[in-house]
Amino acid sequence: MFHYLNNETIRDKRVRPFVTQSTISGINQSNLERVPVVVPPLPLQQTFATRIQAIEALKATHRAALAQLDALFASLQQRAFAGEL
């Protein structure tokens, strides 16, 4: 549901007609209950969930690698300014 409502096209076509204010943040429970939600078949939902998990795992791996690169750069920078290179 999060990804469904987070999609800009879905918000424009399916959510905004039920919102009385100019922003999505103004939507309330009764308006949200009127929003039609397309529910894809379960196998497609499972495929989507698997892909999201894989993407999140890759993001975590990349964040860890970036942190490691930042630490290495900081170490190299410290050694360079200390005249150790």
C-alpha atoms as a PDB file:
ATOM      1  CA  MET A   1       0.000   0.000   0.000  1.00  0.00           C
ATOM      2  CA  PHE A   2       2.886   2.358   0.793  1.00  0.00           C
ATOM      3  CA  HIS A   3       4.426   2.000  -2.672  1.00  0.00           C
ATOM      4  CA  TYR A   4       0.990   2.248  -4.290  1.00  0.00           C
ATOM      5  CA  LEU A   5       0.150   5.544  -2.578  1.00  0.00           C
ATOM      6  CA  ASN A   6       3.712   6.809  -2.946  1.00  0.00           C
ATOM      7  CA  ASN A   7       3.486   6.585  -6.749  1.00  0.00           C
ATOM      8  CA  GLU A   8       2.905  10.073  -8.183  1.00  0.00           C
ATOM      9  CA  THR A   9       0.726   8.847 -11.052  1.00  0.00           C
ATOM     10  CA  ILE A  10      -1.493   6.880  -8.672  1.00  0.00           C
ATOM     11  CA  ARG A  11      -1.793   9.867  -6.357  1.00  0.00           C
ATOM     12  CA  ASP A  12      -2.770  12.167  -9.214  1.00  0.00           C
ATOM     13  CA  LYS A  13      -5.335   9.812 -10.773  1.00  0.00           C
ATOM     14  CA  ARG A  14      -6.762   7.911  -7.812  1.00  0.00           C
ATOM     15  CA  VAL A  15      -6.163   9.888  -4.621  1.00  0.00           C
ATOM     16  CA  ARG A  16      -6.355  13.599  -5.452  1.00  0.00           C
ATOM     17  CA  PRO A  17     -10.030  13.447  -6.557  1.00  0.00           C
ATOM     18  CA  PHE A  18     -10.916  12.469  -2.979  1.00  0.00           C
ATOM     19  CA  VAL A  19      -8.800  15.109  -1.264  1.00  0.00           C
ATOM     20  CA  THR A  20     -10.524  18.346  -0.337  1.00  0.00           C
ATOM     21  CA  GLN A  21      -7.294  20.266   0.228  1.00  0.00           C
ATOM     22  CA  SER A  22      -4.548  20.997  -2.276  1.00  0.00           C
ATOM     23  CA  THR A  23      -2.072  18.593  -0.672  1.00  0.00           C
ATOM     24  CA  ILE A  24      -2.093  14.860  -0.069  1.00  0.00           C
ATOM     25  CA  SER A  25      -1.189  15.473   3.573  1.00  0.00           C
ATOM     26  CA  GLY A  26      -4.725  16.795   4.032  1.00  0.00           C
ATOM     27  CA  ILE A  27      -6.340  13.434   3.312  1.00  0.00           C
ATOM     28  CA  ASN A  28      -8.339  11.894   6.138  1.00  0.00           C
ATOM     29  CA  GLN A  29      -9.507   8.355   6.939  1.00  0.00           C
ATOM     30  CA  SER A  30     -12.938   8.683   5.329  1.00  0.00           C
ATOM     31  CA  ASN A  31     -11.461  10.079   2.110  1.00  0.00           C
ATOM     32  CA  LEU A  32      -8.779   7.407   2.049  1.00  0.00           C
ATOM     33  CA  GLU A  33     -11.394   4.671   2.394  1.00  0.00           C
ATOM     34  CA  ARG A  34     -13.016   5.890  -0.843  1.00  0.00           C
ATOM     35  CA  VAL A  35      -9.798   5.630  -2.866  1.00  0.00           C
ATOM     36  CA  PRO A  36      -9.994   2.661  -5.244  1.00  0.00           C
ATOM     37  CA  VAL A  37      -7.041   0.335  -4.764  1.00  0.00           C
ATOM     38  CA  VAL A  38      -6.003  -2.048  -7.500  1.00  0.00           C
ATOM     39  CA  VAL A  39      -4.764  -5.272  -5.933  1.00  0.00           C
ATOM     40  CA  PRO A  40      -2.475  -7.236  -8.251  1.00  0.00           C
ATOM     41  CA  PRO A  41      -2.456 -11.035  -8.167  1.00  0.00           C
ATOM     42  CA  LEU A  42      -0.571 -12.580  -5.242  1.00  0.00           C
ATOM     43  CA  PRO A  43       2.326 -13.953  -7.369  1.00  0.00           C
ATOM     44  CA  LEU A  44       2.942 -10.470  -8.751  1.00  0.00           C
ATOM     45  CA  GLN A  45       2.844  -9.006  -5.229  1.00  0.00           C
ATOM     46  CA  GLN A  46       5.369 -11.603  -4.097  1.00  0.00           C
ATOM     47  CA  THR A  47       7.650 -10.822  -7.039  1.00  0.00           C
ATOM     48  CA  PHE A  48       7.435  -7.137  -6.200  1.00  0.00           C
ATOM     49  CA  ALA A  49       8.216  -7.800  -2.523  1.00  0.00           C
ATOM     50  CA  THR A  50      11.207  -9.956  -3.481  1.00  0.00           C
ATOM     51  CA  ARG A  51      12.554  -7.219  -5.732  1.00  0.00           C
ATOM     52  CA  ILE A  52      12.076  -4.567  -3.055  1.00  0.00           C
ATOM     53  CA  GLN A  53      13.969  -6.759  -0.565  1.00  0.00           C
ATOM     54  CA  ALA A  54      16.801  -7.213  -3.067  1.00  0.00           C
ATOM     55  CA  ILE A  55      16.966  -3.472  -3.682  1.00  0.00           C
ATOM     56  CA  GLU A  56      17.013  -2.735   0.057  1.00  0.00           C
ATOM     57  CA  ALA A  57      19.819  -5.271   0.520  1.00  0.00           C
ATOM     58  CA  LEU A  58      21.825  -3.624  -2.277  1.00  0.00           C
ATOM     59  CA  LYS A  59      21.248  -0.206  -0.734  1.00  0.00           C
ATOM     60  CA  ALA A  60      22.527  -1.470   2.614  1.00  0.00           C
ATOM     61  CA  THR A  61      25.590  -2.977   0.931  1.00  0.00           C
ATOM     62  CA  HIS A  62      26.285   0.265  -0.907  1.00  0.00           C
ATOM     63  CA  ARG A  63      25.857   2.329   2.246  1.00  0.00           C
ATOM     64  CA  ALA A  64      28.350   0.096   4.069  1.00  0.00           C
ATOM     65  CA  ALA A  65      30.813   0.338   1.179  1.00  0.00           C
ATOM     66  CA  LEU A  66      30.426   4.111   1.112  1.00  0.00           C
ATOM     67  CA  ALA A  67      31.072   4.331   4.855  1.00  0.00           C
ATOM     68  CA  GLN A  68      34.182   2.204   4.395  1.00  0.00           C
ATOM     69  CA  LEU A  69      35.388   4.429   1.548  1.00  0.00           C
ATOM     70  CA  ASP A  70      34.778   7.524   3.671  1.00  0.00           C
ATOM     71  CA  ALA A  71      36.852   6.015   6.487  1.00  0.00           C
ATOM     72  CA  LEU A  72      39.667   5.102   4.081  1.00  0.00           C
ATOM     73  CA  PHE A  73      39.643   8.586   2.561  1.00  0.00           C
ATOM     74  CA  ALA A  74      39.723  10.200   5.996  1.00  0.00           C
ATOM     75  CA  SER A  75      42.690   7.998   6.928  1.00  0.00           C
ATOM     76  CA  LEU A  76      44.497   8.828   3.690  1.00  0.00           C
ATOM     77  CA  GLN A  77      43.757  12.513   4.137  1.00  0.00           C
ATOM     78  CA  GLN A  78      45.092  12.452   7.709  1.00  0.00           C
ATOM     79  CA  ARG A  79      48.273  10.698   6.596  1.00  0.00           C
ATOM     80  CA  ALA A  80      48.721  13.159   3.720  1.00  0.00           C
ATOM     81  CA  PHE A  81      48.395  16.218   5.993  1.00  0.00           C
ATOM     82  CA  ALA A  82      50.739  14.613   8.522  1.00  0.00           C
ATOM     83  CA  GLY A  83      53.361  14.202   5.781  1.00  0.00           C
ATOM     84  CA  GLU A  84      53.384  10.425   6.044  1.00  0.00           C
ATOM     85  CA  LEU A  85      52.844   9.768   2.354  1.00  0.00           C
END
